[in-house]
Amino acid sequence: MEMGAETIFNPYFVQHGRSDVVLWDVFPLGAAKKFLVNFESVSSEWRQGLWLCTKGGLYINDTFCSSADLWFNHSPKEVFCECPRTDGKLSVYNIFHDGIRRKSQTATSGMLVEEIQSGRRYCCHSMGYNPTFKDLVFTIIRL
């Protein structure tokens, strides 16, 4: 499978009867070249964030990057992003720092993804066997 081609669900949760836990989302930008990331809340002892990537790279607050880590505690509440050369697919997953190193996509990591007007809400779980999906909550809105 090509990277960022389609949403990947977490196999651990699927094996335990939860087919709705996303490990890696592919957000459909479509014709929209601009979007806004809005951090809503965090409830974790670990630093929380998200990773973004699209073919052709992206501009975050006028700085070009091939991919980006956005951290709740280091980013503005709203982050403006632009993808002038995108294929229309934005890869998204939650990341966290456990005090030792940056981590993502562990066996028990995942996101519940909710469709909202012009975008999606992501409710994230870093890792562990009793998920609350409140470690990080953010939205991505097409502009």
N, C-alpha and C. Protein backbone atom coordinates (compact mmCIF):
# COMPACT_ATOMS: atom_id res chain seq x y z
N MET A 1 0.84 -1.18 0.00
CA MET A 1 0.00 0.00 0.00
C MET A 1 0.89 1.24 0.00
N GLU A 2 0.52 2.21 -0.78
CA GLU A 2 1.24 3.47 -0.85
C GLU A 2 0.99 4.30 0.41
N MET A 3 2.07 4.93 0.93
CA MET A 3 1.94 5.74 2.13
C MET A 3 0.92 6.85 1.93
N GLY A 4 0.02 6.97 2.88
CA GLY A 4 -0.98 8.03 2.83
C GLY A 4 -2.09 7.82 1.82
N ALA A 5 -2.23 6.61 1.33
CA ALA A 5 -3.26 6.34 0.32
C ALA A 5 -4.64 6.16 0.94
N GLU A 6 -4.68 5.54 2.13
CA GLU A 6 -5.97 5.31 2.77
C GLU A 6 -5.80 5.23 4.28
N THR A 7 -6.90 5.43 4.97
CA THR A 7 -6.92 5.38 6.43
C THR A 7 -6.55 3.97 6.91
N ILE A 8 -5.76 3.93 8.00
CA ILE A 8 -5.37 2.65 8.59
C ILE A 8 -5.99 2.57 9.98
N PHE A 9 -6.70 1.49 10.24
CA PHE A 9 -7.30 1.27 11.56
C PHE A 9 -6.35 0.45 12.42
N ASN A 10 -6.40 0.68 13.72
CA ASN A 10 -5.48 0.01 14.64
C ASN A 10 -5.87 -1.46 14.78
N PRO A 11 -4.97 -2.38 14.40
CA PRO A 11 -5.30 -3.82 14.45
C PRO A 11 -5.57 -4.34 15.85
N TYR A 12 -4.90 -3.77 16.86
CA TYR A 12 -5.14 -4.21 18.24
C TYR A 12 -6.61 -4.00 18.61
N PHE A 13 -7.11 -2.81 18.34
CA PHE A 13 -8.51 -2.51 18.69
C PHE A 13 -9.48 -3.31 17.82
N VAL A 14 -9.14 -3.51 16.55
CA VAL A 14 -10.00 -4.31 15.68
C VAL A 14 -10.12 -5.73 16.25
N GLN A 15 -8.99 -6.30 16.69
CA GLN A 15 -9.00 -7.66 17.27
C GLN A 15 -9.80 -7.72 18.57
N HIS A 16 -9.96 -6.56 19.23
CA HIS A 16 -10.71 -6.52 20.49
C HIS A 16 -12.09 -5.88 20.32
N GLY A 17 -12.63 -5.95 19.10
CA GLY A 17 -14.01 -5.56 18.85
C GLY A 17 -14.26 -4.08 18.58
N ARG A 18 -13.21 -3.29 18.39
CA ARG A 18 -13.37 -1.85 18.10
C ARG A 18 -12.81 -1.58 16.72
N SER A 19 -13.67 -1.45 15.75
CA SER A 19 -13.23 -1.21 14.37
C SER A 19 -13.18 0.27 14.03
N ASP A 20 -13.39 1.14 15.02
CA ASP A 20 -13.46 2.58 14.77
C ASP A 20 -12.21 3.34 15.20
N VAL A 21 -11.17 2.66 15.67
CA VAL A 21 -9.98 3.34 16.18
C VAL A 21 -8.95 3.46 15.05
N VAL A 22 -8.69 4.69 14.66
CA VAL A 22 -7.81 4.99 13.54
C VAL A 22 -6.37 5.15 14.03
N LEU A 23 -5.44 4.50 13.36
CA LEU A 23 -4.03 4.63 13.65
C LEU A 23 -3.41 5.75 12.81
N TRP A 24 -3.83 5.84 11.55
CA TRP A 24 -3.30 6.82 10.58
C TRP A 24 -4.48 7.25 9.73
N ASP A 25 -4.83 8.52 9.78
CA ASP A 25 -5.96 9.00 8.97
C ASP A 25 -5.45 9.67 7.70
N VAL A 26 -6.25 9.57 6.66
CA VAL A 26 -6.00 10.32 5.43
C VAL A 26 -7.17 11.28 5.28
N PHE A 27 -6.89 12.53 5.59
CA PHE A 27 -7.90 13.60 5.57
C PHE A 27 -8.05 14.08 4.13
N PRO A 28 -9.29 14.10 3.61
CA PRO A 28 -9.50 14.51 2.22
C PRO A 28 -9.54 16.04 2.07
N LEU A 29 -8.42 16.59 1.66
CA LEU A 29 -8.39 18.04 1.41
C LEU A 29 -9.20 18.40 0.18
N GLY A 30 -9.23 17.48 -0.79
CA GLY A 30 -9.92 17.78 -2.03
C GLY A 30 -9.27 18.97 -2.72
N ALA A 31 -10.09 19.89 -3.21
CA ALA A 31 -9.58 21.08 -3.89
C ALA A 31 -9.08 22.13 -2.91
N ALA A 32 -9.40 21.97 -1.64
CA ALA A 32 -8.96 22.95 -0.63
C ALA A 32 -7.45 22.88 -0.51
N LYS A 33 -6.82 23.99 -0.59
CA LYS A 33 -5.36 24.05 -0.46
C LYS A 33 -4.96 24.59 0.91
N LYS A 34 -5.96 25.06 1.67
CA LYS A 34 -5.68 25.67 2.98
C LYS A 34 -6.55 24.99 4.04
N PHE A 35 -5.98 24.86 5.23
CA PHE A 35 -6.75 24.28 6.33
C PHE A 35 -6.24 24.84 7.64
N LEU A 36 -7.04 24.66 8.67
CA LEU A 36 -6.72 25.16 10.00
C LEU A 36 -6.72 24.00 10.98
N VAL A 37 -5.66 23.87 11.78
CA VAL A 37 -5.62 22.91 12.88
C VAL A 37 -5.97 23.69 14.14
N ASN A 38 -6.95 23.20 14.88
CA ASN A 38 -7.38 23.86 16.12
C ASN A 38 -7.22 22.88 17.27
N PHE A 39 -6.33 23.22 18.21
CA PHE A 39 -6.17 22.41 19.41
C PHE A 39 -7.31 22.73 20.37
N GLU A 40 -8.10 21.71 20.74
CA GLU A 40 -9.24 21.92 21.63
C GLU A 40 -8.89 21.63 23.09
N SER A 41 -8.24 20.49 23.35
CA SER A 41 -7.94 20.16 24.75
C SER A 41 -6.86 19.10 24.82
N VAL A 42 -6.26 19.01 26.00
CA VAL A 42 -5.29 17.96 26.29
C VAL A 42 -5.54 17.48 27.71
N SER A 43 -5.41 16.16 27.91
CA SER A 43 -5.60 15.58 29.24
C SER A 43 -4.68 14.37 29.35
N SER A 44 -3.40 14.67 29.55
CA SER A 44 -2.41 13.61 29.62
C SER A 44 -1.19 14.09 30.38
N GLU A 45 -0.50 13.18 31.03
CA GLU A 45 0.75 13.51 31.70
C GLU A 45 1.87 13.70 30.68
N TRP A 46 1.69 13.19 29.46
CA TRP A 46 2.70 13.28 28.42
C TRP A 46 2.40 14.43 27.46
N ARG A 47 3.44 14.98 26.88
CA ARG A 47 3.28 16.02 25.87
C ARG A 47 2.57 15.42 24.66
N GLN A 48 1.61 16.16 24.11
CA GLN A 48 0.76 15.64 23.03
C GLN A 48 0.87 16.50 21.77
N GLY A 49 0.70 15.83 20.64
CA GLY A 49 0.73 16.55 19.38
C GLY A 49 0.20 15.72 18.23
N LEU A 50 0.43 16.22 17.01
CA LEU A 50 0.00 15.52 15.81
C LEU A 50 1.04 15.68 14.73
N TRP A 51 1.04 14.73 13.81
CA TRP A 51 1.95 14.73 12.67
C TRP A 51 1.12 14.93 11.42
N LEU A 52 1.61 15.78 10.51
CA LEU A 52 0.93 16.07 9.25
C LEU A 52 1.90 15.86 8.09
N CYS A 53 1.40 15.35 6.98
CA CYS A 53 2.22 15.18 5.79
C CYS A 53 1.32 15.10 4.57
N THR A 54 1.78 15.67 3.46
CA THR A 54 1.09 15.52 2.19
C THR A 54 2.13 15.55 1.08
N LYS A 55 1.85 14.87 -0.02
CA LYS A 55 2.77 14.92 -1.16
C LYS A 55 2.88 16.37 -1.60
N GLY A 56 4.08 16.81 -1.83
CA GLY A 56 4.30 18.19 -2.23
C GLY A 56 4.61 19.11 -1.06
N GLY A 57 4.51 18.58 0.17
CA GLY A 57 4.83 19.37 1.35
C GLY A 57 3.74 20.35 1.74
N LEU A 58 4.01 21.11 2.80
CA LEU A 58 3.02 22.06 3.29
C LEU A 58 3.71 23.26 3.92
N TYR A 59 2.99 24.35 3.95
CA TYR A 59 3.44 25.56 4.63
C TYR A 59 2.68 25.66 5.94
N ILE A 60 3.41 25.87 7.01
CA ILE A 60 2.78 26.09 8.31
C ILE A 60 3.23 27.47 8.77
N ASN A 61 2.25 28.36 8.89
CA ASN A 61 2.55 29.76 9.24
C ASN A 61 3.69 30.29 8.36
N ASP A 62 3.56 30.07 7.04
CA ASP A 62 4.49 30.57 6.02
C ASP A 62 5.86 29.90 6.00
N THR A 63 6.06 28.80 6.73
CA THR A 63 7.32 28.06 6.71
C THR A 63 7.08 26.72 6.01
N PHE A 64 7.87 26.43 4.95
CA PHE A 64 7.69 25.19 4.19
C PHE A 64 8.33 24.01 4.91
N CYS A 65 7.65 22.86 4.88
CA CYS A 65 8.19 21.61 5.43
C CYS A 65 7.59 20.43 4.68
N SER A 66 8.31 19.33 4.62
CA SER A 66 7.79 18.13 3.95
C SER A 66 6.76 17.42 4.83
N SER A 67 6.97 17.50 6.14
CA SER A 67 6.00 17.01 7.12
C SER A 67 6.20 17.84 8.38
N ALA A 68 5.27 17.72 9.32
CA ALA A 68 5.37 18.58 10.51
C ALA A 68 4.82 17.89 11.74
N ASP A 69 5.52 18.10 12.86
CA ASP A 69 5.00 17.75 14.18
C ASP A 69 4.48 19.04 14.80
N LEU A 70 3.22 19.04 15.20
CA LEU A 70 2.64 20.18 15.91
C LEU A 70 2.34 19.73 17.33
N TRP A 71 2.93 20.42 18.31
CA TRP A 71 2.77 20.06 19.71
C TRP A 71 1.81 21.02 20.39
N PHE A 72 0.91 20.47 21.19
CA PHE A 72 -0.08 21.27 21.91
C PHE A 72 0.59 22.37 22.73
N ASN A 73 1.67 22.05 23.42
CA ASN A 73 2.29 23.02 24.33
C ASN A 73 3.25 23.98 23.64
N HIS A 74 3.54 23.79 22.35
CA HIS A 74 4.47 24.67 21.64
C HIS A 74 3.84 25.39 20.46
N SER A 75 2.60 25.08 20.14
CA SER A 75 1.93 25.67 18.98
C SER A 75 0.86 26.64 19.43
N PRO A 76 0.52 27.60 18.56
CA PRO A 76 -0.66 28.41 18.88
C PRO A 76 -1.91 27.53 18.88
N LYS A 77 -2.97 28.00 19.49
CA LYS A 77 -4.22 27.23 19.54
C LYS A 77 -4.73 26.91 18.13
N GLU A 78 -4.57 27.88 17.22
CA GLU A 78 -4.95 27.68 15.83
C GLU A 78 -3.71 27.80 14.95
N VAL A 79 -3.52 26.81 14.07
CA VAL A 79 -2.36 26.79 13.19
C VAL A 79 -2.85 26.78 11.75
N PHE A 80 -2.47 27.81 11.00
CA PHE A 80 -2.85 27.93 9.59
C PHE A 80 -1.87 27.14 8.74
N CYS A 81 -2.40 26.31 7.83
CA CYS A 81 -1.57 25.48 6.97
C CYS A 81 -2.03 25.63 5.52
N GLU A 82 -1.07 25.51 4.61
CA GLU A 82 -1.38 25.60 3.19
C GLU A 82 -0.59 24.55 2.44
N CYS A 83 -1.24 23.92 1.46
CA CYS A 83 -0.61 22.86 0.66
C CYS A 83 -0.80 23.18 -0.82
N PRO A 84 0.02 24.05 -1.39
CA PRO A 84 -0.20 24.47 -2.78
C PRO A 84 0.03 23.37 -3.81
N ARG A 85 0.83 22.34 -3.47
CA ARG A 85 1.13 21.28 -4.44
C ARG A 85 0.65 19.91 -3.95
N THR A 86 -0.43 19.86 -3.24
CA THR A 86 -0.91 18.61 -2.66
C THR A 86 -1.62 17.73 -3.69
N ASP A 87 -1.67 16.44 -3.38
CA ASP A 87 -2.47 15.50 -4.16
C ASP A 87 -3.89 15.40 -3.59
N GLY A 88 -4.20 16.25 -2.60
CA GLY A 88 -5.53 16.26 -1.99
C GLY A 88 -5.69 15.36 -0.79
N LYS A 89 -4.60 14.68 -0.39
CA LYS A 89 -4.65 13.77 0.75
C LYS A 89 -3.67 14.23 1.82
N LEU A 90 -4.18 14.43 3.03
CA LEU A 90 -3.36 14.86 4.15
C LEU A 90 -3.26 13.72 5.15
N SER A 91 -2.06 13.23 5.40
CA SER A 91 -1.85 12.18 6.39
C SER A 91 -1.80 12.81 7.78
N VAL A 92 -2.47 12.16 8.74
CA VAL A 92 -2.59 12.68 10.11
C VAL A 92 -2.50 11.52 11.09
N TYR A 93 -1.68 11.69 12.13
CA TYR A 93 -1.77 10.79 13.27
C TYR A 93 -1.29 11.49 14.52
N ASN A 94 -1.70 10.95 15.67
CA ASN A 94 -1.31 11.56 16.95
C ASN A 94 0.10 11.12 17.34
N ILE A 95 0.80 12.03 18.02
CA ILE A 95 2.14 11.77 18.53
C ILE A 95 2.16 12.16 20.01
N PHE A 96 3.14 11.64 20.72
CA PHE A 96 3.30 12.03 22.12
C PHE A 96 4.75 11.84 22.53
N HIS A 97 5.11 12.50 23.60
CA HIS A 97 6.47 12.39 24.14
C HIS A 97 6.34 11.89 25.56
N ASP A 98 6.94 10.75 25.85
CA ASP A 98 6.78 10.11 27.16
C ASP A 98 7.82 10.54 28.18
N GLY A 99 8.54 11.62 27.89
CA GLY A 99 9.60 12.08 28.78
C GLY A 99 10.96 11.58 28.36
N ILE A 100 10.98 10.59 27.48
CA ILE A 100 12.24 10.04 26.98
C ILE A 100 12.39 10.36 25.49
N ARG A 101 11.32 10.08 24.73
CA ARG A 101 11.39 10.34 23.29
C ARG A 101 9.99 10.49 22.70
N ARG A 102 9.96 11.00 21.46
CA ARG A 102 8.71 11.13 20.70
C ARG A 102 8.26 9.73 20.29
N LYS A 103 6.96 9.49 20.44
CA LYS A 103 6.40 8.19 20.05
C LYS A 103 5.11 8.41 19.27
N SER A 104 4.76 7.38 18.51
CA SER A 104 3.49 7.39 17.78
C SER A 104 3.17 5.97 17.35
N GLN A 105 1.95 5.76 17.03
CA GLN A 105 1.49 4.51 16.44
C GLN A 105 1.95 3.27 17.21
N THR A 106 1.85 3.32 18.54
CA THR A 106 2.13 2.14 19.33
C THR A 106 0.98 1.14 19.14
N ALA A 107 1.13 -0.03 19.70
CA ALA A 107 0.09 -1.06 19.54
C ALA A 107 -1.26 -0.60 20.04
N THR A 108 -1.29 0.29 21.04
CA THR A 108 -2.57 0.73 21.60
C THR A 108 -2.83 2.23 21.39
N SER A 109 -2.13 2.84 20.43
CA SER A 109 -2.40 4.24 20.08
C SER A 109 -3.59 4.30 19.12
N GLY A 110 -4.25 5.45 19.10
CA GLY A 110 -5.31 5.60 18.12
C GLY A 110 -6.12 6.86 18.31
N MET A 111 -7.01 7.06 17.35
CA MET A 111 -7.87 8.24 17.32
C MET A 111 -9.29 7.83 16.96
N LEU A 112 -10.24 8.48 17.60
CA LEU A 112 -11.63 8.41 17.14
C LEU A 112 -11.83 9.64 16.27
N VAL A 113 -12.33 9.43 15.07
CA VAL A 113 -12.44 10.50 14.09
C VAL A 113 -13.92 10.80 13.84
N GLU A 114 -14.28 12.06 14.01
CA GLU A 114 -15.67 12.50 13.87
C GLU A 114 -15.76 13.51 12.73
N GLU A 115 -16.67 13.27 11.81
CA GLU A 115 -16.91 14.23 10.73
C GLU A 115 -17.65 15.44 11.31
N ILE A 116 -17.14 16.64 11.03
CA ILE A 116 -17.79 17.89 11.44
C ILE A 116 -17.87 18.79 10.21
N GLN A 117 -18.54 19.92 10.33
CA GLN A 117 -18.69 20.82 9.20
C GLN A 117 -17.31 21.25 8.68
N SER A 118 -17.05 21.00 7.42
CA SER A 118 -15.81 21.36 6.72
C SER A 118 -14.56 20.66 7.25
N GLY A 119 -14.72 19.59 8.02
CA GLY A 119 -13.52 18.92 8.51
C GLY A 119 -13.78 17.74 9.40
N ARG A 120 -12.86 17.53 10.33
CA ARG A 120 -12.92 16.39 11.24
C ARG A 120 -12.41 16.77 12.62
N ARG A 121 -12.95 16.09 13.63
CA ARG A 121 -12.45 16.19 15.01
C ARG A 121 -11.75 14.87 15.33
N TYR A 122 -10.60 15.00 15.98
CA TYR A 122 -9.79 13.85 16.36
C TYR A 122 -9.68 13.78 17.88
N CYS A 123 -10.08 12.66 18.44
CA CYS A 123 -9.98 12.41 19.88
C CYS A 123 -8.95 11.29 20.05
N CYS A 124 -7.81 11.63 20.66
CA CYS A 124 -6.63 10.77 20.62
C CYS A 124 -6.35 10.04 21.92
N HIS A 125 -5.77 8.86 21.75
CA HIS A 125 -5.28 8.04 22.87
C HIS A 125 -3.81 7.71 22.58
N SER A 126 -2.92 8.05 23.50
CA SER A 126 -1.48 7.84 23.29
C SER A 126 -1.13 6.36 23.31
N MET A 127 -1.34 5.73 24.46
CA MET A 127 -1.13 4.29 24.56
C MET A 127 -1.66 3.79 25.90
N GLY A 128 -1.89 2.51 25.96
CA GLY A 128 -2.42 1.89 27.16
C GLY A 128 -3.69 1.12 26.84
N TYR A 129 -4.07 0.24 27.75
CA TYR A 129 -5.18 -0.67 27.48
C TYR A 129 -6.54 -0.17 27.93
N ASN A 130 -6.61 1.00 28.54
CA ASN A 130 -7.90 1.58 28.96
C ASN A 130 -8.06 2.97 28.36
N PRO A 131 -8.34 3.04 27.06
CA PRO A 131 -8.38 4.33 26.39
C PRO A 131 -9.57 5.20 26.80
N THR A 132 -9.29 6.50 26.93
CA THR A 132 -10.36 7.48 27.15
C THR A 132 -10.56 8.35 25.92
N PHE A 133 -9.57 8.36 25.04
CA PHE A 133 -9.57 9.19 23.83
C PHE A 133 -9.73 10.67 24.18
N LYS A 134 -9.08 11.07 25.29
CA LYS A 134 -9.08 12.47 25.73
C LYS A 134 -7.66 13.02 25.88
N ASP A 135 -6.64 12.22 25.51
CA ASP A 135 -5.26 12.69 25.67
C ASP A 135 -5.04 13.97 24.89
N LEU A 136 -5.56 14.02 23.67
CA LEU A 136 -5.50 15.21 22.84
C LEU A 136 -6.75 15.25 21.96
N VAL A 137 -7.38 16.41 21.90
CA VAL A 137 -8.52 16.60 21.00
C VAL A 137 -8.20 17.81 20.12
N PHE A 138 -8.32 17.61 18.81
CA PHE A 138 -8.07 18.69 17.85
C PHE A 138 -8.98 18.54 16.66
N THR A 139 -9.10 19.62 15.89
CA THR A 139 -9.88 19.58 14.65
C THR A 139 -9.00 20.02 13.49
N ILE A 140 -9.37 19.56 12.31
CA ILE A 140 -8.81 20.06 11.06
C ILE A 140 -9.98 20.54 10.23
N ILE A 141 -9.92 21.79 9.81
CA ILE A 141 -11.02 22.42 9.07
C ILE A 141 -10.49 22.93 7.73
N ARG A 142 -11.15 22.54 6.64
CA ARG A 142 -10.82 23.06 5.31
C ARG A 142 -11.22 24.53 5.23
N LEU A 143 -10.38 25.33 4.62
CA LEU A 143 -10.70 26.77 4.45
C LEU A 143 -11.01 27.07 2.99
